[in-house]
Amino acid sequence: MKIALFSDVHANLPALEAFFKDVEQRKPDAIYCLGDLVGYNIWPNEVINEVRKRGIPTIAGNYDFGIGRSSDDCGCAYKTDTEKANGAVSISFTNSIVHDDERRYLRTLPAHIKVEFQLNNDKLNLLLVHGSPRKINEYLFEDREEKSMLRIMADADADIMCFGHTHKPYHRILPSMPEENQHYRHAVNIGSVGKPKDGDPRGGYVILHINDNSSIYDKGSIQVEFVRFEYDVEKAAKAVEDSPLPDAYAESLRKGI
């Protein structure tokens, strides 16, 4: 089974349209969206409706949660006063242009999606979250201590946990503790379609490969394919510059930071 997972579009319609063209060629068996449809660009309504009309199961990102409730807090961890000021402009602008029906849709999005497989008499739980199972805006970076990541996944009963929020893709295979009856958990950050932060301005997503021989006891039997695709970055950046949004967001799109 091929499962396409994407996240963090952030109102970037050119990136989303390019994503759909790319993923449709790969013919996945299922597609899930891990949230943050809105914020930081000018097309929140269009992005929401492109996802809705395809019937794609979608969870709430922290930005979706805030905009759905007309909040001025997106739950973002801005590090500097400049970032905080720019963020305030972004959420205010997004709140001003999101339509009532689209806002209602954002309020209905679930926090998590769990998919349970029964393979080779083994249960395999796939958990989809935005930040973490504990908090919608918790950042799970690649350098998180292994024991901490394992504890988060064990508490959530997740054999494979896929998430976004940091906009930096990675795949970690974590051996269970204790070593007897060894099995493995997979932590997968799926990156960002519309606002990458790993130095690569191309959009990114993941295809998860699960087959009838996949098992928690064979770490190589679950495969994670990271996909990057080109899109019209300049169109998205120019849209930012022609709007009330801070120009810094345009430069971040051009540089992938």
Protein backbone atom coordinates (compact mmCIF):
# COMPACT_ATOMS: atom_id res chain seq x y z
CA MET A 1 0.00 0.00 0.00
CA LYS A 2 1.27 3.46 -0.92
CA ILE A 3 0.12 6.23 1.40
CA ALA A 4 0.86 9.86 0.43
CA LEU A 5 1.20 12.27 3.35
CA PHE A 6 1.50 16.04 3.05
CA SER A 7 1.43 18.95 5.45
CA ASP A 8 2.05 22.65 6.03
CA VAL A 9 0.74 24.08 2.77
CA HIS A 10 0.32 27.48 4.43
CA ALA A 11 -1.96 29.10 1.85
CA ASN A 12 0.57 28.48 -0.94
CA LEU A 13 -1.73 27.60 -3.83
CA PRO A 14 0.97 27.26 -6.55
CA ALA A 15 2.78 24.73 -4.36
CA LEU A 16 -0.41 22.79 -3.63
CA GLU A 17 -1.37 22.63 -7.32
CA ALA A 18 2.10 21.33 -8.20
CA PHE A 19 1.86 18.79 -5.38
CA PHE A 20 -1.41 17.40 -6.73
CA LYS A 21 0.07 17.06 -10.22
CA ASP A 22 3.08 15.23 -8.83
CA VAL A 23 1.27 12.92 -6.44
CA GLU A 24 -1.41 11.93 -8.96
CA GLN A 25 1.32 10.56 -11.24
CA ARG A 26 2.51 8.30 -8.41
CA LYS A 27 -0.96 6.79 -7.92
CA PRO A 28 -1.04 6.38 -4.13
CA ASP A 29 -3.71 4.20 -2.56
CA ALA A 30 -4.56 6.84 0.03
CA ILE A 31 -3.76 10.50 0.73
CA TYR A 32 -3.81 12.25 4.10
CA CYS A 33 -3.13 15.87 5.04
CA LEU A 34 -1.47 16.64 8.37
CA GLY A 35 -2.66 20.20 8.67
CA ASP A 36 -1.68 23.86 8.49
CA LEU A 37 -3.57 24.70 5.33
CA VAL A 38 -3.54 28.43 6.07
CA GLY A 39 -1.25 31.30 7.08
CA TYR A 40 1.71 33.17 5.55
CA ASN A 41 0.30 33.61 2.03
CA ILE A 42 -2.76 34.94 0.20
CA TRP A 43 -4.73 31.80 -0.78
CA PRO A 44 -6.13 30.21 2.42
CA ASN A 45 -9.65 29.80 1.02
CA GLU A 46 -8.44 28.34 -2.28
CA VAL A 47 -6.13 25.88 -0.51
CA ILE A 48 -8.89 24.76 1.87
CA ASN A 49 -11.29 24.17 -1.01
CA GLU A 50 -8.77 22.29 -3.17
CA VAL A 51 -8.29 19.85 -0.28
CA ARG A 52 -12.02 19.68 0.56
CA LYS A 53 -13.21 18.97 -2.96
CA ARG A 54 -10.90 15.96 -3.16
CA GLY A 55 -12.28 14.53 0.09
CA ILE A 56 -8.81 14.22 1.60
CA PRO A 57 -8.87 13.28 5.31
CA THR A 58 -7.19 16.20 7.07
CA ILE A 59 -6.19 16.96 10.64
CA ALA A 60 -5.94 20.39 12.21
CA GLY A 61 -2.62 22.18 12.32
CA ASN A 62 -1.97 24.81 14.96
CA TYR A 63 -2.58 27.61 12.44
CA ASP A 64 -5.84 25.99 11.30
CA PHE A 65 -6.93 25.71 14.94
CA GLY A 66 -6.30 29.40 15.58
CA ILE A 67 -7.90 30.70 12.38
CA GLY A 68 -10.88 28.37 12.81
CA ARG A 69 -11.60 30.12 16.09
CA SER A 70 -10.79 33.67 14.88
CA SER A 71 -7.91 33.75 17.35
CA ASP A 72 -4.97 36.12 17.12
CA ASP A 73 -2.69 33.30 18.38
CA CYS A 74 -1.47 30.66 15.94
CA GLY A 75 0.43 28.72 18.60
CA CYS A 76 3.70 29.41 16.78
CA ALA A 77 7.03 29.52 18.61
CA TYR A 78 8.52 32.71 17.24
CA LYS A 79 12.06 33.32 18.51
CA THR A 80 12.59 37.06 18.01
CA ASP A 81 10.56 40.23 18.36
CA THR A 82 10.69 40.69 14.58
CA GLU A 83 9.32 37.20 14.01
CA LYS A 84 6.56 37.85 16.55
CA ALA A 85 5.63 41.13 14.84
CA ASN A 86 5.58 39.49 11.42
CA GLY A 87 3.52 36.63 12.81
CA ALA A 88 0.96 39.06 14.21
CA VAL A 89 0.56 40.60 10.74
CA SER A 90 0.16 37.16 9.17
CA ILE A 91 -2.56 35.87 11.49
CA SER A 92 -4.44 39.19 11.37
CA PHE A 93 -4.33 39.21 7.57
CA THR A 94 -5.38 35.55 7.35
CA ASN A 95 -8.29 36.11 9.73
CA SER A 96 -9.41 39.07 7.60
CA ILE A 97 -9.62 37.07 4.35
CA VAL A 98 -10.84 33.61 5.42
CA HIS A 99 -14.53 33.12 4.59
CA ASP A 100 -17.11 31.93 7.11
CA ASP A 101 -17.66 28.51 5.50
CA GLU A 102 -13.94 27.79 5.28
CA ARG A 103 -13.51 28.88 8.90
CA ARG A 104 -16.26 26.48 9.98
CA TYR A 105 -14.48 23.68 8.11
CA LEU A 106 -11.24 24.38 9.99
CA ARG A 107 -13.10 24.09 13.30
CA THR A 108 -14.27 20.56 12.43
CA LEU A 109 -10.82 19.10 11.69
CA PRO A 110 -9.76 16.28 14.02
CA ALA A 111 -6.63 16.43 16.16
CA HIS A 112 -5.28 13.00 15.12
CA ILE A 113 -6.00 10.17 12.70
CA LYS A 114 -5.10 6.60 13.62
CA VAL A 115 -5.01 3.84 11.00
CA GLU A 116 -4.70 0.27 12.29
CA PHE A 117 -3.34 -2.47 10.06
CA GLN A 118 -3.55 -6.24 10.72
CA LEU A 119 -0.57 -7.84 8.96
CA ASN A 120 0.93 -11.31 9.50
CA ASN A 121 -1.12 -11.57 12.69
CA ASP A 122 0.64 -8.42 13.89
CA LYS A 123 -1.06 -5.13 14.64
CA LEU A 124 0.58 -2.09 13.05
CA ASN A 125 -0.63 1.31 14.20
CA LEU A 126 -0.07 4.37 12.02
CA LEU A 127 -0.68 7.64 13.88
CA LEU A 128 -0.99 10.95 12.05
CA VAL A 129 -0.54 14.14 14.09
CA HIS A 130 0.44 17.70 13.33
CA GLY A 131 2.94 18.57 16.06
CA SER A 132 2.89 15.61 18.44
CA PRO A 133 0.27 13.35 20.06
CA ARG A 134 0.57 15.48 23.20
CA LYS A 135 0.18 18.94 21.75
CA ILE A 136 -0.77 20.34 18.37
CA ASN A 137 2.13 22.80 18.38
CA GLU A 138 4.89 20.69 19.97
CA TYR A 139 8.01 20.59 17.81
CA LEU A 140 9.54 17.14 17.30
CA PHE A 141 12.92 17.94 15.80
CA GLU A 142 15.29 15.28 14.52
CA ASP A 143 17.70 15.72 17.41
CA ARG A 144 15.11 14.94 20.13
CA GLU A 145 16.48 12.43 22.60
CA GLU A 146 15.67 8.86 21.58
CA LYS A 147 14.16 7.93 24.94
CA SER A 148 11.84 10.93 24.77
CA MET A 149 10.66 10.11 21.25
CA LEU A 150 10.10 6.45 22.17
CA ARG A 151 8.11 7.46 25.24
CA ILE A 152 5.88 9.79 23.21
CA MET A 153 5.20 7.06 20.66
CA ALA A 154 4.67 4.29 23.23
CA ASP A 155 2.20 6.44 25.19
CA ALA A 156 0.28 7.04 21.95
CA ASP A 157 0.48 3.35 20.89
CA ALA A 158 2.08 4.41 17.60
CA ASP A 159 4.30 2.04 15.63
CA ILE A 160 4.62 4.60 12.83
CA MET A 161 4.08 8.24 13.74
CA CYS A 162 3.95 10.83 10.97
CA PHE A 163 3.89 14.55 11.68
CA GLY A 164 4.79 17.97 10.29
CA HIS A 165 5.01 21.40 11.97
CA THR A 166 8.82 21.82 11.86
CA HIS A 167 8.88 21.86 8.03
CA LYS A 168 12.09 19.76 8.16
CA PRO A 169 11.74 16.18 6.88
CA TYR A 170 13.41 13.16 8.46
CA HIS A 171 12.88 9.47 9.26
CA ARG A 172 14.13 7.92 12.49
CA ILE A 173 13.92 4.18 13.23
CA LEU A 174 13.83 3.67 16.99
CA PRO A 175 14.49 0.28 18.65
CA SER A 176 12.17 -0.61 21.49
CA MET A 177 13.29 -1.03 25.07
CA PRO A 178 14.15 -3.52 26.50
CA GLU A 179 16.12 -5.30 23.80
CA GLU A 180 14.44 -8.69 24.25
CA ASN A 181 11.51 -9.14 21.90
CA GLN A 182 13.03 -6.26 19.90
CA HIS A 183 10.70 -4.25 17.71
CA TYR A 184 10.98 -0.89 15.99
CA ARG A 185 9.04 2.35 15.85
CA HIS A 186 9.24 4.80 12.96
CA ALA A 187 9.11 8.59 13.53
CA VAL A 188 8.58 10.45 10.25
CA ASN A 189 8.50 14.19 9.73
CA ILE A 190 6.92 14.63 6.30
CA GLY A 191 8.24 18.14 5.62
CA SER A 192 6.25 20.97 4.06
CA VAL A 193 4.46 21.45 0.75
CA GLY A 194 4.27 25.23 0.88
CA LYS A 195 6.89 26.56 3.31
CA PRO A 196 10.01 24.34 3.47
CA LYS A 197 12.65 25.20 6.05
CA ASP A 198 15.43 22.74 5.22
CA GLY A 199 17.26 24.94 2.73
CA ASP A 200 15.49 23.43 -0.29
CA PRO A 201 12.75 25.70 -1.70
CA ARG A 202 11.02 22.83 -3.50
CA GLY A 203 7.83 21.46 -1.97
CA GLY A 204 8.09 18.18 -0.11
CA TYR A 205 5.95 15.27 0.99
CA VAL A 206 6.22 11.57 1.86
CA ILE A 207 5.00 8.31 0.41
CA LEU A 208 4.81 5.60 3.03
CA HIS A 209 5.14 2.05 1.68
CA ILE A 210 3.45 -0.68 3.72
CA ASN A 211 3.10 -4.18 2.28
CA ASP A 212 1.72 -7.52 3.44
CA ASN A 213 5.10 -8.44 4.91
CA SER A 214 5.58 -5.21 6.86
CA SER A 215 6.23 -5.85 10.53
CA ILE A 216 7.30 -3.98 13.64
CA TYR A 217 10.00 -6.66 14.02
CA ASP A 218 11.66 -5.96 10.65
CA LYS A 219 12.87 -2.37 10.51
CA GLY A 220 13.43 -2.50 6.74
CA SER A 221 9.92 -3.68 5.90
CA ILE A 222 8.40 -0.21 6.25
CA GLN A 223 9.78 2.22 3.71
CA VAL A 224 9.59 6.01 3.69
CA GLU A 225 10.04 7.81 0.36
CA PHE A 226 10.77 11.54 0.55
CA VAL A 227 9.54 13.35 -2.57
CA ARG A 228 10.53 16.87 -3.67
CA PHE A 229 8.83 18.71 -6.51
CA GLU A 230 9.32 21.98 -8.35
CA TYR A 231 6.68 24.70 -8.27
CA ASP A 232 6.46 28.37 -9.21
CA VAL A 233 8.24 29.74 -6.14
CA GLU A 234 8.46 33.22 -7.62
CA LYS A 235 4.69 33.41 -8.12
CA ALA A 236 4.15 32.55 -4.47
CA ALA A 237 6.84 34.96 -3.30
CA LYS A 238 5.54 37.81 -5.47
CA ALA A 239 2.03 37.26 -4.08
CA VAL A 240 3.42 37.84 -0.60
CA GLU A 241 5.23 41.01 -1.68
CA ASP A 242 2.06 42.37 -3.30
CA SER A 243 0.05 41.80 -0.11
CA PRO A 244 0.12 43.28 3.42
CA LEU A 245 2.23 40.29 4.51
CA PRO A 246 5.88 40.89 5.50
CA ASP A 247 8.38 40.59 2.64
CA ALA A 248 10.43 38.28 4.87
CA TYR A 249 7.99 35.49 4.02
CA ALA A 250 8.74 35.92 0.33
CA GLU A 251 12.46 35.56 0.92
CA SER A 252 11.92 32.46 3.06
CA LEU A 253 10.06 30.85 0.15
CA ARG A 254 12.86 31.69 -2.27
CA LYS A 255 15.53 30.28 0.05
CA GLY A 256 13.61 27.44 1.65
CA ILE A 257 14.28 28.69 5.17
